[in-house]
Amino acid sequence: MATNIEIEAKVLITKEDYDKLMALYEDKVTDEFDQTNYYVESKNLDLKKLGVGLRIRRKCRNYALTIKAPLSEGLLEKNTPITQEQYEAFKTKGIFPDCVIKEYILMLGFEPKDLKIVSSLKTHRVEIPLEEGKHTLSIDKNDYNKITDYELEMNSDSLNRAKTKLKEICEENGISYKDNPRSKQTRCLESL
């Protein structure tokens, strides 16, 4: 299982801004892919109430179970790969994958059998490394619950540096900068 700290600044943008940035950074893209997040919750969205996110991500033919919990700066993120069979067993039969994240869910006071996939979000993402890898800019198109939105994410080693760099890119391109603290999962679940 991999554990890391995710530090990112985000801003929602318009489709016009998305198209402009996609054209601007076309030659600098180092990775482009589609991924689908399947959000896992209790019937009453109790994990969300604690600020905890739980998802299964499908990227290419790989699946990973991820839990995120808030820290003073950023999010503690724990990831573990699962098989397509484990994903299908959870989706169709409610059998939670047997892994360290299951133990973490139990420590939080939740019964894994009470959790299920409640929604999904598909992202088309391009990634652009900036300043020799100090930052990574992601340009996302997200589709969920009959909604499409567009988002910029800046990953860095500190939240202040991520926000500063993202604000700089927005200003250079005539894009209104307004910090977006609402995650993809929050937006998706709030749209149910």
Protein backbone atom coordinates (compact mmCIF):
# COMPACT_ATOMS: atom_id res chain seq x y z
CA MET A 1 0.00 0.00 0.00
CA ALA A 2 1.29 3.45 -0.91
CA THR A 3 0.87 6.41 1.41
CA ASN A 4 1.50 9.99 0.38
CA ILE A 5 0.47 13.53 1.16
CA GLU A 6 -1.47 15.23 -1.59
CA ILE A 7 -0.95 18.98 -1.79
CA GLU A 8 -2.81 20.72 -4.57
CA ALA A 9 -4.54 23.97 -5.41
CA LYS A 10 -7.61 23.87 -7.64
CA VAL A 11 -9.74 26.26 -9.61
CA LEU A 12 -12.87 25.63 -11.67
CA ILE A 13 -12.72 27.14 -15.15
CA THR A 14 -15.07 27.63 -18.09
CA LYS A 15 -15.13 25.47 -21.20
CA GLU A 16 -13.66 28.41 -23.13
CA ASP A 17 -10.74 28.65 -20.67
CA TYR A 18 -10.31 24.88 -20.88
CA ASP A 19 -10.11 24.98 -24.69
CA LYS A 20 -7.66 27.90 -24.56
CA LEU A 21 -5.32 26.15 -22.11
CA MET A 22 -5.50 22.84 -23.97
CA ALA A 23 -4.32 24.64 -27.12
CA LEU A 24 -1.69 26.64 -25.24
CA TYR A 25 -0.11 23.62 -23.53
CA GLU A 26 -0.61 21.14 -26.39
CA ASP A 27 3.14 20.73 -26.99
CA LYS A 28 4.03 20.48 -23.28
CA VAL A 29 1.71 17.61 -22.30
CA THR A 30 3.64 14.64 -20.90
CA ASP A 31 0.63 12.47 -20.02
CA GLU A 32 -2.98 12.28 -21.19
CA PHE A 33 -5.51 9.73 -19.98
CA ASP A 34 -9.05 8.97 -18.88
CA GLN A 35 -9.87 7.71 -15.43
CA THR A 36 -13.10 6.94 -13.60
CA ASN A 37 -13.58 7.39 -9.88
CA TYR A 38 -16.26 5.28 -8.18
CA TYR A 39 -17.16 6.97 -4.91
CA VAL A 40 -17.82 4.72 -1.94
CA GLU A 41 -20.03 5.88 0.92
CA SER A 42 -22.55 4.87 3.55
CA LYS A 43 -26.26 5.40 2.97
CA ASN A 44 -26.12 8.73 4.88
CA LEU A 45 -22.76 9.92 3.44
CA ASP A 46 -21.16 9.54 6.88
CA LEU A 47 -17.58 9.41 5.55
CA LYS A 48 -18.11 12.75 3.79
CA LYS A 49 -19.36 14.25 7.08
CA LEU A 50 -15.99 13.32 8.62
CA GLY A 51 -14.09 14.84 5.69
CA VAL A 52 -12.95 11.39 4.57
CA GLY A 53 -13.06 10.36 0.92
CA LEU A 54 -13.14 6.75 -0.26
CA ARG A 55 -13.00 5.75 -3.89
CA ILE A 56 -12.10 3.06 -6.37
CA ARG A 57 -10.26 4.47 -9.38
CA ARG A 58 -10.10 2.74 -12.74
CA LYS A 59 -7.27 3.99 -14.93
CA CYS A 60 -6.62 1.99 -18.08
CA ARG A 61 -7.22 -1.56 -16.88
CA ASN A 62 -5.93 -0.97 -13.36
CA TYR A 63 -8.01 -0.47 -10.23
CA ALA A 64 -6.96 1.14 -6.96
CA LEU A 65 -8.80 1.67 -3.68
CA THR A 66 -7.98 5.03 -2.09
CA ILE A 67 -8.89 6.69 1.17
CA LYS A 68 -8.16 10.36 1.84
CA ALA A 69 -8.24 12.08 5.21
CA PRO A 70 -7.57 15.76 5.95
CA LEU A 71 -4.28 16.98 7.41
CA SER A 72 -3.34 20.50 8.52
CA GLU A 73 -1.94 21.00 4.99
CA GLY A 74 -3.10 18.68 2.26
CA LEU A 75 -4.59 15.22 2.49
CA LEU A 76 -3.22 11.95 3.76
CA GLU A 77 -3.81 9.53 0.93
CA LYS A 78 -3.58 5.74 1.19
CA ASN A 79 -3.77 3.68 -2.01
CA THR A 80 -3.85 -0.03 -2.58
CA PRO A 81 -4.23 -1.82 -5.90
CA ILE A 82 -7.20 -4.13 -6.26
CA THR A 83 -8.18 -6.50 -9.04
CA GLN A 84 -11.07 -6.04 -11.43
CA GLU A 85 -12.63 -9.10 -9.76
CA GLN A 86 -12.43 -7.39 -6.33
CA TYR A 87 -14.03 -4.28 -7.82
CA GLU A 88 -16.83 -6.34 -9.41
CA ALA A 89 -17.41 -8.29 -6.18
CA PHE A 90 -17.75 -5.05 -4.24
CA LYS A 91 -19.95 -3.40 -6.87
CA THR A 92 -22.34 -6.31 -7.33
CA LYS A 93 -22.20 -8.20 -4.01
CA GLY A 94 -20.96 -5.62 -1.48
CA ILE A 95 -17.82 -7.62 -0.68
CA PHE A 96 -15.30 -5.00 0.44
CA PRO A 97 -11.73 -5.80 -0.69
CA ASP A 98 -9.69 -7.42 2.06
CA CYS A 99 -6.82 -4.96 2.51
CA VAL A 100 -5.27 -2.40 4.88
CA ILE A 101 -7.88 0.21 3.88
CA LYS A 102 -10.58 -2.14 5.19
CA GLU A 103 -8.81 -2.11 8.56
CA TYR A 104 -8.65 1.70 8.44
CA ILE A 105 -12.41 1.86 7.72
CA LEU A 106 -13.03 -0.35 10.75
CA MET A 107 -10.80 1.90 12.92
CA LEU A 108 -12.96 4.87 11.87
CA GLY A 109 -15.97 3.00 13.24
CA PHE A 110 -17.58 1.95 9.96
CA GLU A 111 -18.67 -1.49 8.84
CA PRO A 112 -17.32 -2.13 5.33
CA LYS A 113 -20.48 -4.13 4.54
CA ASP A 114 -22.49 -0.89 4.98
CA LEU A 115 -20.54 0.89 2.24
CA LYS A 116 -21.36 0.90 -1.46
CA ILE A 117 -20.60 2.76 -4.69
CA VAL A 118 -22.96 5.73 -4.74
CA SER A 119 -21.75 7.66 -7.79
CA SER A 120 -18.98 7.93 -10.37
CA LEU A 121 -17.02 10.67 -12.11
CA LYS A 122 -15.05 10.33 -15.34
CA THR A 123 -12.06 12.63 -15.88
CA HIS A 124 -10.13 13.32 -19.06
CA ARG A 125 -6.78 14.67 -17.81
CA VAL A 126 -3.67 16.13 -19.33
CA GLU A 127 -0.58 16.71 -17.20
CA ILE A 128 2.11 19.31 -17.76
CA PRO A 129 5.28 19.43 -15.63
CA LEU A 130 6.41 22.99 -14.81
CA GLU A 131 9.71 24.44 -13.61
CA GLU A 132 11.64 21.21 -14.16
CA GLY A 133 9.17 19.08 -12.25
CA LYS A 134 8.68 21.33 -9.21
CA HIS A 135 4.98 21.58 -10.07
CA THR A 136 2.51 19.55 -12.12
CA LEU A 137 -0.41 21.28 -13.81
CA SER A 138 -3.41 19.08 -14.55
CA ILE A 139 -6.15 20.23 -16.90
CA ASP A 140 -9.31 18.20 -16.30
CA LYS A 141 -12.67 17.72 -17.97
CA ASN A 142 -15.03 15.97 -15.52
CA ASP A 143 -18.35 14.27 -16.28
CA TYR A 144 -20.69 13.18 -13.47
CA ASN A 145 -24.44 12.97 -12.86
CA LYS A 146 -25.26 14.74 -16.19
CA ILE A 147 -22.85 17.59 -15.31
CA THR A 148 -19.61 18.55 -17.06
CA ASP A 149 -17.12 20.83 -15.36
CA TYR A 150 -13.55 21.90 -16.04
CA GLU A 151 -10.78 22.26 -13.51
CA LEU A 152 -7.14 23.15 -13.14
CA GLU A 153 -5.08 21.46 -10.43
CA MET A 154 -1.57 22.42 -9.40
CA ASN A 155 0.41 19.87 -7.39
CA SER A 156 3.43 21.10 -5.50
CA ASP A 157 5.38 20.54 -2.28
CA SER A 158 3.44 23.21 -0.37
CA LEU A 159 -0.07 24.59 -0.63
CA ASN A 160 1.23 28.16 -0.79
CA ARG A 161 3.53 27.36 -3.75
CA ALA A 162 0.73 25.47 -5.52
CA LYS A 163 -1.70 28.38 -5.12
CA THR A 164 0.90 30.97 -6.15
CA LYS A 165 1.80 29.07 -9.34
CA LEU A 166 -1.83 28.36 -10.23
CA LYS A 167 -2.78 32.00 -9.70
CA GLU A 168 0.14 33.06 -11.92
CA ILE A 169 -1.04 30.78 -14.76
CA CYS A 170 -4.60 32.05 -14.44
CA GLU A 171 -3.52 35.71 -14.51
CA GLU A 172 -1.24 35.13 -17.53
CA ASN A 173 -4.19 33.66 -19.43
CA GLY A 174 -6.96 36.05 -18.39
CA ILE A 175 -8.68 33.44 -16.22
CA SER A 176 -10.47 34.49 -13.07
CA TYR A 177 -8.70 32.87 -10.10
CA LYS A 178 -10.94 31.68 -7.30
CA ASP A 179 -9.61 28.93 -5.06
CA ASN A 180 -11.82 25.86 -5.23
CA PRO A 181 -11.62 23.85 -1.99
CA ARG A 182 -14.40 21.46 -3.13
CA SER A 183 -12.96 18.17 -4.37
CA LYS A 184 -14.28 16.22 -7.33
CA GLN A 185 -15.83 13.77 -4.88
CA THR A 186 -17.59 16.54 -2.96
CA ARG A 187 -18.98 18.08 -6.14
CA CYS A 188 -20.13 14.69 -7.40
CA LEU A 189 -21.81 13.69 -4.13
CA GLU A 190 -23.46 17.10 -3.70
CA SER A 191 -25.00 16.74 -7.17
CA LEU A 192 -26.86 13.52 -6.29
